[in-house]
PDB file of all heavy atoms in Angstrom:
ATOM      1  N   VAL A   1      -5.124 -20.589  -8.870  1.00  0.00           N
ATOM      2  CA  VAL A   1      -4.109 -20.560  -7.810  1.00  0.00           C
ATOM      3  C   VAL A   1      -3.223 -19.324  -7.963  1.00  0.00           C
ATOM      4  O   VAL A   1      -2.886 -18.649  -6.980  1.00  0.00           O
ATOM      5  CB  VAL A   1      -3.261 -21.844  -7.843  1.00  0.00           C
ATOM      6  CG1 VAL A   1      -2.084 -21.736  -6.869  1.00  0.00           C
ATOM      7  CG2 VAL A   1      -4.120 -23.055  -7.498  1.00  0.00           C
ATOM      8  N   GLY A   2      -2.858 -19.009  -9.216  1.00  0.00           N
ATOM      9  CA  GLY A   2      -2.038 -17.824  -9.460  1.00  0.00           C
ATOM     10  C   GLY A   2      -2.746 -16.545  -9.058  1.00  0.00           C
ATOM     11  O   GLY A   2      -2.147 -15.637  -8.478  1.00  0.00           O
ATOM     12  N   ALA A   3      -4.043 -16.461  -9.363  1.00  0.00           N
ATOM     13  CA  ALA A   3      -4.824 -15.277  -8.991  1.00  0.00           C
ATOM     14  C   ALA A   3      -4.905 -15.136  -7.476  1.00  0.00           C
ATOM     15  O   ALA A   3      -4.814 -14.025  -6.932  1.00  0.00           O
ATOM     16  CB  ALA A   3      -6.227 -15.363  -9.593  1.00  0.00           C
ATOM     17  N   ALA A   4      -5.072 -16.276  -6.781  1.00  0.00           N
ATOM     18  CA  ALA A   4      -5.121 -16.242  -5.322  1.00  0.00           C
ATOM     19  C   ALA A   4      -3.784 -15.781  -4.745  1.00  0.00           C
ATOM     20  O   ALA A   4      -3.750 -14.979  -3.800  1.00  0.00           O
ATOM     21  CB  ALA A   4      -5.491 -17.617  -4.780  1.00  0.00           C
ATOM     22  N   SER A   5      -2.678 -16.269  -5.312  1.00  0.00           N
ATOM     23  CA  SER A   5      -1.346 -15.858  -4.854  1.00  0.00           C
ATOM     24  C   SER A   5      -1.126 -14.365  -5.081  1.00  0.00           C
ATOM     25  O   SER A   5      -0.565 -13.665  -4.232  1.00  0.00           O
ATOM     26  CB  SER A   5      -0.266 -16.659  -5.582  1.00  0.00           C
ATOM     27  OG  SER A   5      -0.414 -18.039  -5.346  1.00  0.00           O
ATOM     28  N   PHE A   6      -1.597 -13.887  -6.241  1.00  0.00           N
ATOM     29  CA  PHE A   6      -1.481 -12.454  -6.543  1.00  0.00           C
ATOM     30  C   PHE A   6      -2.283 -11.627  -5.534  1.00  0.00           C
ATOM     31  O   PHE A   6      -1.832 -10.580  -5.065  1.00  0.00           O
ATOM     32  CB  PHE A   6      -1.972 -12.177  -7.959  1.00  0.00           C
ATOM     33  CG  PHE A   6      -1.988 -10.721  -8.327  1.00  0.00           C
ATOM     34  CD1 PHE A   6      -0.812 -10.056  -8.645  1.00  0.00           C
ATOM     35  CD2 PHE A   6      -3.182 -10.013  -8.353  1.00  0.00           C
ATOM     36  CE1 PHE A   6      -0.827  -8.708  -8.972  1.00  0.00           C
ATOM     37  CE2 PHE A   6      -3.210  -8.669  -8.685  1.00  0.00           C
ATOM     38  CZ  PHE A   6      -2.027  -8.010  -9.000  1.00  0.00           C
ATOM     39  N   GLY A   7      -3.477 -12.122  -5.194  1.00  0.00           N
ATOM     40  CA  GLY A   7      -4.309 -11.417  -4.232  1.00  0.00           C
ATOM     41  C   GLY A   7      -3.656 -11.337  -2.866  1.00  0.00           C
ATOM     42  O   GLY A   7      -3.692 -10.296  -2.205  1.00  0.00           O
ATOM     43  N   VAL A   8      -3.047 -12.433  -2.419  1.00  0.00           N
ATOM     44  CA  VAL A   8      -2.354 -12.445  -1.131  1.00  0.00           C
ATOM     45  C   VAL A   8      -1.188 -11.458  -1.147  1.00  0.00           C
ATOM     46  O   VAL A   8      -0.958 -10.717  -0.178  1.00  0.00           O
ATOM     47  CB  VAL A   8      -1.855 -13.866  -0.797  1.00  0.00           C
ATOM     48  CG1 VAL A   8      -0.929 -13.844   0.420  1.00  0.00           C
ATOM     49  CG2 VAL A   8      -3.029 -14.799  -0.553  1.00  0.00           C
ATOM     50  N   ARG A   9      -0.457 -11.420  -2.270  1.00  0.00           N
ATOM     51  CA  ARG A   9       0.670 -10.492  -2.371  1.00  0.00           C
ATOM     52  C   ARG A   9       0.202  -9.048  -2.320  1.00  0.00           C
ATOM     53  O   ARG A   9       0.861  -8.175  -1.747  1.00  0.00           O
ATOM     54  CB  ARG A   9       1.443 -10.751  -3.671  1.00  0.00           C
ATOM     55  CG  ARG A   9       2.765  -9.992  -3.747  1.00  0.00           C
ATOM     56  CD  ARG A   9       3.689 -10.445  -2.625  1.00  0.00           C
ATOM     57  NE  ARG A   9       4.903  -9.651  -2.546  1.00  0.00           N
ATOM     58  CZ  ARG A   9       5.013  -8.493  -1.889  1.00  0.00           C
ATOM     59  NH1 ARG A   9       3.964  -8.006  -1.246  1.00  0.00           N
ATOM     60  NH2 ARG A   9       6.143  -7.838  -1.853  1.00  0.00           N
ATOM     61  N   ARG A  10      -0.960  -8.772  -2.908  1.00  0.00           N
ATOM     62  CA  ARG A  10      -1.511  -7.421  -2.857  1.00  0.00           C
ATOM     63  C   ARG A  10      -1.912  -7.058  -1.431  1.00  0.00           C
ATOM     64  O   ARG A  10      -1.739  -5.921  -1.003  1.00  0.00           O
ATOM     65  CB  ARG A  10      -2.733  -7.316  -3.778  1.00  0.00           C
ATOM     66  CG  ARG A  10      -2.417  -7.284  -5.266  1.00  0.00           C
ATOM     67  CD  ARG A  10      -1.652  -6.023  -5.637  1.00  0.00           C
ATOM     68  NE  ARG A  10      -2.415  -4.827  -5.332  1.00  0.00           N
ATOM     69  CZ  ARG A  10      -3.291  -4.262  -6.151  1.00  0.00           C
ATOM     70  NH1 ARG A  10      -3.519  -4.801  -7.337  1.00  0.00           N
ATOM     71  NH2 ARG A  10      -3.939  -3.162  -5.807  1.00  0.00           N
ATOM     72  N   LEU A  11      -2.455  -8.036  -0.697  1.00  0.00           N
ATOM     73  CA  LEU A  11      -2.806  -7.789   0.698  1.00  0.00           C
ATOM     74  C   LEU A  11      -1.566  -7.458   1.520  1.00  0.00           C
ATOM     75  O   LEU A  11      -1.592  -6.564   2.371  1.00  0.00           O
ATOM     76  CB  LEU A  11      -3.507  -9.016   1.289  1.00  0.00           C
ATOM     77  CG  LEU A  11      -4.938  -9.285   0.826  1.00  0.00           C
ATOM     78  CD1 LEU A  11      -5.451 -10.579   1.436  1.00  0.00           C
ATOM     79  CD2 LEU A  11      -5.846  -8.136   1.196  1.00  0.00           C
ATOM     80  N   ILE A  12      -0.472  -8.167   1.254  1.00  0.00           N
ATOM     81  CA  ILE A  12       0.777  -7.883   1.948  1.00  0.00           C
ATOM     82  C   ILE A  12       1.266  -6.487   1.586  1.00  0.00           C
ATOM     83  O   ILE A  12       1.773  -5.743   2.432  1.00  0.00           O
ATOM     84  CB  ILE A  12       1.841  -8.943   1.593  1.00  0.00           C
ATOM     85  CG1 ILE A  12       1.412 -10.310   2.132  1.00  0.00           C
ATOM     86  CG2 ILE A  12       3.204  -8.552   2.147  1.00  0.00           C
ATOM     87  CD1 ILE A  12       2.309 -11.444   1.695  1.00  0.00           C
ATOM     88  N   GLY A  13       1.079  -6.111   0.320  1.00  0.00           N
ATOM     89  CA  GLY A  13       1.515  -4.799  -0.137  1.00  0.00           C
ATOM     90  C   GLY A  13       0.848  -3.658   0.603  1.00  0.00           C
ATOM     91  O   GLY A  13       1.423  -2.574   0.739  1.00  0.00           O
ATOM     92  N   VAL A  14      -0.371  -3.890   1.098  1.00  0.00           N
ATOM     93  CA  VAL A  14      -1.078  -2.849   1.851  1.00  0.00           C
ATOM     94  C   VAL A  14      -0.310  -2.481   3.119  1.00  0.00           C
ATOM     95  O   VAL A  14      -0.370  -1.343   3.589  1.00  0.00           O
ATOM     96  CB  VAL A  14      -2.508  -3.335   2.207  1.00  0.00           C
ATOM     97  CG1 VAL A  14      -3.201  -2.355   3.141  1.00  0.00           C
ATOM     98  CG2 VAL A  14      -3.330  -3.520   0.946  1.00  0.00           C
ATOM     99  N   THR A  15       0.441  -3.436   3.680  1.00  0.00           N
ATOM    100  CA  THR A  15       1.145  -3.196   4.941  1.00  0.00           C
ATOM    101  C   THR A  15       2.553  -2.649   4.737  1.00  0.00           C
ATOM    102  O   THR A  15       3.178  -2.214   5.707  1.00  0.00           O
ATOM    103  CB  THR A  15       1.259  -4.504   5.750  1.00  0.00           C
ATOM    104  OG1 THR A  15       2.202  -5.394   5.103  1.00  0.00           O
ATOM    105  CG2 THR A  15      -0.086  -5.190   5.862  1.00  0.00           C
ATOM    106  N   GLU A  16       3.090  -2.685   3.513  1.00  0.00           N
ATOM    107  CA  GLU A  16       4.475  -2.303   3.297  1.00  0.00           C
ATOM    108  C   GLU A  16       4.642  -0.791   3.326  1.00  0.00           C
ATOM    109  O   GLU A  16       3.933  -0.057   2.644  1.00  0.00           O
ATOM    110  CB  GLU A  16       4.972  -2.872   1.966  1.00  0.00           C
ATOM    111  CG  GLU A  16       5.051  -4.388   1.966  1.00  0.00           C
ATOM    112  CD  GLU A  16       5.455  -4.974   0.635  1.00  0.00           C
ATOM    113  OE1 GLU A  16       5.408  -4.240  -0.382  1.00  0.00           O
ATOM    114  OE2 GLU A  16       5.825  -6.158   0.603  1.00  0.00           O
ATOM    115  N   ILE A  17       5.601  -0.333   4.101  1.00  0.00           N
ATOM    116  CA  ILE A  17       5.795   1.097   4.299  1.00  0.00           C
ATOM    117  C   ILE A  17       6.147   1.796   3.004  1.00  0.00           C
ATOM    118  O   ILE A  17       5.619   2.864   2.687  1.00  0.00           O
ATOM    119  CB  ILE A  17       6.884   1.337   5.361  1.00  0.00           C
ATOM    120  CG1 ILE A  17       6.402   0.841   6.730  1.00  0.00           C
ATOM    121  CG2 ILE A  17       7.264   2.813   5.434  1.00  0.00           C
ATOM    122  CD1 ILE A  17       7.429   0.961   7.830  1.00  0.00           C
ATOM    123  N   GLU A  18       7.040   1.186   2.206  1.00  0.00           N
ATOM    124  CA  GLU A  18       7.462   1.864   0.980  1.00  0.00           C
ATOM    125  C   GLU A  18       6.351   1.943  -0.057  1.00  0.00           C
ATOM    126  O   GLU A  18       6.426   2.724  -1.002  1.00  0.00           O
ATOM    127  CB  GLU A  18       8.686   1.163   0.371  1.00  0.00           C
ATOM    128  CG  GLU A  18       8.444  -0.263  -0.111  1.00  0.00           C
ATOM    129  CD  GLU A  18       8.698  -1.290   0.988  1.00  0.00           C
ATOM    130  OE1 GLU A  18       8.739  -0.898   2.165  1.00  0.00           O
ATOM    131  OE2 GLU A  18       8.873  -2.478   0.645  1.00  0.00           O
ATOM    132  N   LYS A  19       5.294   1.128   0.136  1.00  0.00           N
ATOM    133  CA  LYS A  19       4.164   1.181  -0.778  1.00  0.00           C
ATOM    134  C   LYS A  19       2.944   1.814  -0.112  1.00  0.00           C
ATOM    135  O   LYS A  19       1.818   1.672  -0.577  1.00  0.00           O
ATOM    136  CB  LYS A  19       3.806  -0.231  -1.255  1.00  0.00           C
ATOM    137  CG  LYS A  19       4.898  -0.884  -2.091  1.00  0.00           C
ATOM    138  CD  LYS A  19       4.481  -2.261  -2.563  1.00  0.00           C
ATOM    139  CE  LYS A  19       5.586  -2.918  -3.383  1.00  0.00           C
ATOM    140  NZ  LYS A  19       5.206  -4.278  -3.829  1.00  0.00           N
ATOM    141  N   GLY A  20       3.177   2.493   0.997  1.00  0.00           N
ATOM    142  CA  GLY A  20       2.087   3.110   1.743  1.00  0.00           C
ATOM    143  C   GLY A  20       1.497   4.294   0.998  1.00  0.00           C
ATOM    144  O   GLY A  20       1.967   4.719  -0.057  1.00  0.00           O
ATOM    145  N   SER A  21       0.452   4.854   1.583  1.00  0.00           N
ATOM    146  CA  SER A  21      -0.244   5.973   0.961  1.00  0.00           C
ATOM    147  C   SER A  21       0.635   7.209   0.960  1.00  0.00           C
ATOM    148  O   SER A  21       1.597   7.330   1.715  1.00  0.00           O
ATOM    149  CB  SER A  21      -1.552   6.255   1.705  1.00  0.00           C
ATOM    150  OG  SER A  21      -1.277   6.806   2.971  1.00  0.00           O
ATOM    151  N   SER A  22       0.287   8.170   0.118  1.00  0.00           N
ATOM    152  CA  SER A  22       1.014   9.433   0.055  1.00  0.00           C
ATOM    153  C   SER A  22       0.502  10.414   1.101  1.00  0.00           C
ATOM    154  O   SER A  22       0.978  11.534   1.174  1.00  0.00           O
ATOM    155  CB  SER A  22       0.862  10.049  -1.343  1.00  0.00           C
ATOM    156  OG  SER A  22      -0.507  10.293  -1.629  1.00  0.00           O
ATOM    157  N   TYR A  23      -0.453   9.964   1.896  1.00  0.00           N
ATOM    158  CA  TYR A  23      -1.004  10.833   2.948  1.00  0.00           C
ATOM    159  C   TYR A  23       0.114  11.242   3.899  1.00  0.00           C
ATOM    160  O   TYR A  23       0.863  10.422   4.400  1.00  0.00           O
ATOM    161  CB  TYR A  23      -2.085  10.078   3.727  1.00  0.00           C
ATOM    162  CG  TYR A  23      -2.749  10.889   4.812  1.00  0.00           C
ATOM    163  CD1 TYR A  23      -3.690  11.853   4.509  1.00  0.00           C
ATOM    164  CD2 TYR A  23      -2.423  10.677   6.150  1.00  0.00           C
ATOM    165  CE1 TYR A  23      -4.318  12.587   5.508  1.00  0.00           C
ATOM    166  CE2 TYR A  23      -3.045  11.401   7.152  1.00  0.00           C
ATOM    167  CZ  TYR A  23      -3.986  12.350   6.826  1.00  0.00           C
ATOM    168  OH  TYR A  23      -4.589  13.075   7.817  1.00  0.00           O
ATOM    169  N   GLY A  24       0.259  12.533   4.118  1.00  0.00           N
ATOM    170  CA  GLY A  24       1.329  13.022   4.976  1.00  0.00           C
ATOM    171  C   GLY A  24       2.537  13.495   4.210  1.00  0.00           C
ATOM    172  O   GLY A  24       3.456  14.075   4.784  1.00  0.00           O
ATOM    173  N   ASN A  25       2.563  13.275   2.887  1.00  0.00           N
ATOM    174  CA  ASN A  25       3.692  13.706   2.073  1.00  0.00           C
ATOM    175  C   ASN A  25       3.522  15.117   1.533  1.00  0.00           C
ATOM    176  O   ASN A  25       4.309  15.556   0.717  1.00  0.00           O
ATOM    177  CB  ASN A  25       3.909  12.752   0.901  1.00  0.00           C
ATOM    178  CG  ASN A  25       4.663  11.504   1.335  1.00  0.00           C
ATOM    179  OD1 ASN A  25       5.407  11.534   2.294  1.00  0.00           O
ATOM    180  ND2 ASN A  25       4.456  10.415   0.617  1.00  0.00           N
ATOM    181  N   GLN A  26       2.482  15.792   1.960  1.00  0.00           N
ATOM    182  CA  GLN A  26       2.295  17.170   1.525  1.00  0.00           C
ATOM    183  C   GLN A  26       2.046  18.052   2.731  1.00  0.00           C
ATOM    184  O   GLN A  26       1.460  17.633   3.709  1.00  0.00           O
ATOM    185  CB  GLN A  26       1.107  17.264   0.551  1.00  0.00           C
ATOM    186  CG  GLN A  26      -0.171  16.639   1.085  1.00  0.00           C
ATOM    187  CD  GLN A  26      -1.241  16.574   0.014  1.00  0.00           C
ATOM    188  OE1 GLN A  26      -1.062  17.062  -1.087  1.00  0.00           O
ATOM    189  NE2 GLN A  26      -2.359  15.993   0.356  1.00  0.00           N
ATOM    190  N   GLU A  27       2.531  19.246   2.651  1.00  0.00           N
ATOM    191  CA  GLU A  27       2.450  20.154   3.794  1.00  0.00           C
ATOM    192  C   GLU A  27       1.044  20.692   3.931  1.00  0.00           C
ATOM    193  O   GLU A  27       0.396  21.048   2.952  1.00  0.00           O
ATOM    194  CB  GLU A  27       3.428  21.313   3.600  1.00  0.00           C
ATOM    195  CG  GLU A  27       3.525  22.202   4.811  1.00  0.00           C
ATOM    196  CD  GLU A  27       4.680  23.183   4.661  1.00  0.00           C
ATOM    197  OE1 GLU A  27       5.377  23.097   3.652  1.00  0.00           O
ATOM    198  OE2 GLU A  27       4.839  24.021   5.551  1.00  0.00           O
ATOM    199  N   PHE A  28       0.544  20.740   5.179  1.00  0.00           N
ATOM    200  CA  PHE A  28      -0.793  21.256   5.437  1.00  0.00           C
ATOM    201  C   PHE A  28      -0.721  22.762   5.632  1.00  0.00           C
ATOM    202  O   PHE A  28       0.149  23.275   6.316  1.00  0.00           O
ATOM    203  CB  PHE A  28      -1.386  20.584   6.675  1.00  0.00           C
ATOM    204  CG  PHE A  28      -1.664  19.137   6.441  1.00  0.00           C
ATOM    205  CD1 PHE A  28      -0.690  18.182   6.733  1.00  0.00           C
ATOM    206  CD2 PHE A  28      -2.864  18.720   5.923  1.00  0.00           C
ATOM    207  CE1 PHE A  28      -0.929  16.844   6.522  1.00  0.00           C
ATOM    208  CE2 PHE A  28      -3.128  17.374   5.710  1.00  0.00           C
ATOM    209  CZ  PHE A  28      -2.154  16.446   6.012  1.00  0.00           C
ATOM    210  N   LYS A  29      -1.676  23.436   5.042  1.00  0.00           N
ATOM    211  CA  LYS A  29      -1.670  24.894   5.077  1.00  0.00           C
ATOM    212  C   LYS A  29      -2.530  25.468   6.184  1.00  0.00           C
ATOM    213  O   LYS A  29      -2.511  26.643   6.442  1.00  0.00           O
ATOM    214  CB  LYS A  29      -2.176  25.438   3.728  1.00  0.00           C
ATOM    215  CG  LYS A  29      -1.291  25.030   2.555  1.00  0.00           C
ATOM    216  CD  LYS A  29       0.105  25.598   2.682  1.00  0.00           C
ATOM    217  CE  LYS A  29       0.958  25.257   1.472  1.00  0.00           C
ATOM    218  NZ  LYS A  29       2.322  25.781   1.605  1.00  0.00           N
ATOM    219  N   LYS A  30      -3.330  24.596   6.830  1.00  0.00           N
ATOM    220  CA  LYS A  30      -4.183  25.115   7.884  1.00  0.00           C
ATOM    221  C   LYS A  30      -4.133  24.193   9.087  1.00  0.00           C
ATOM    222  O   LYS A  30      -3.828  23.012   8.974  1.00  0.00           O
ATOM    223  CB  LYS A  30      -5.640  25.240   7.409  1.00  0.00           C
ATOM    224  CG  LYS A  30      -6.274  23.930   6.956  1.00  0.00           C
ATOM    225  CD  LYS A  30      -7.675  24.183   6.503  1.00  0.00           C
ATOM    226  CE  LYS A  30      -8.328  22.851   6.048  1.00  0.00           C
ATOM    227  NZ  LYS A  30      -9.716  23.052   5.625  1.00  0.00           N
TER     228      LYS A  30
END
């Protein structure tokens, strides 16, 4: 049950803005 709860929390984490990808945090040169 604990592992399932952890998995659900990780799924929620995918949607959280503050935990989002770093894509876009670096300047593009071309």
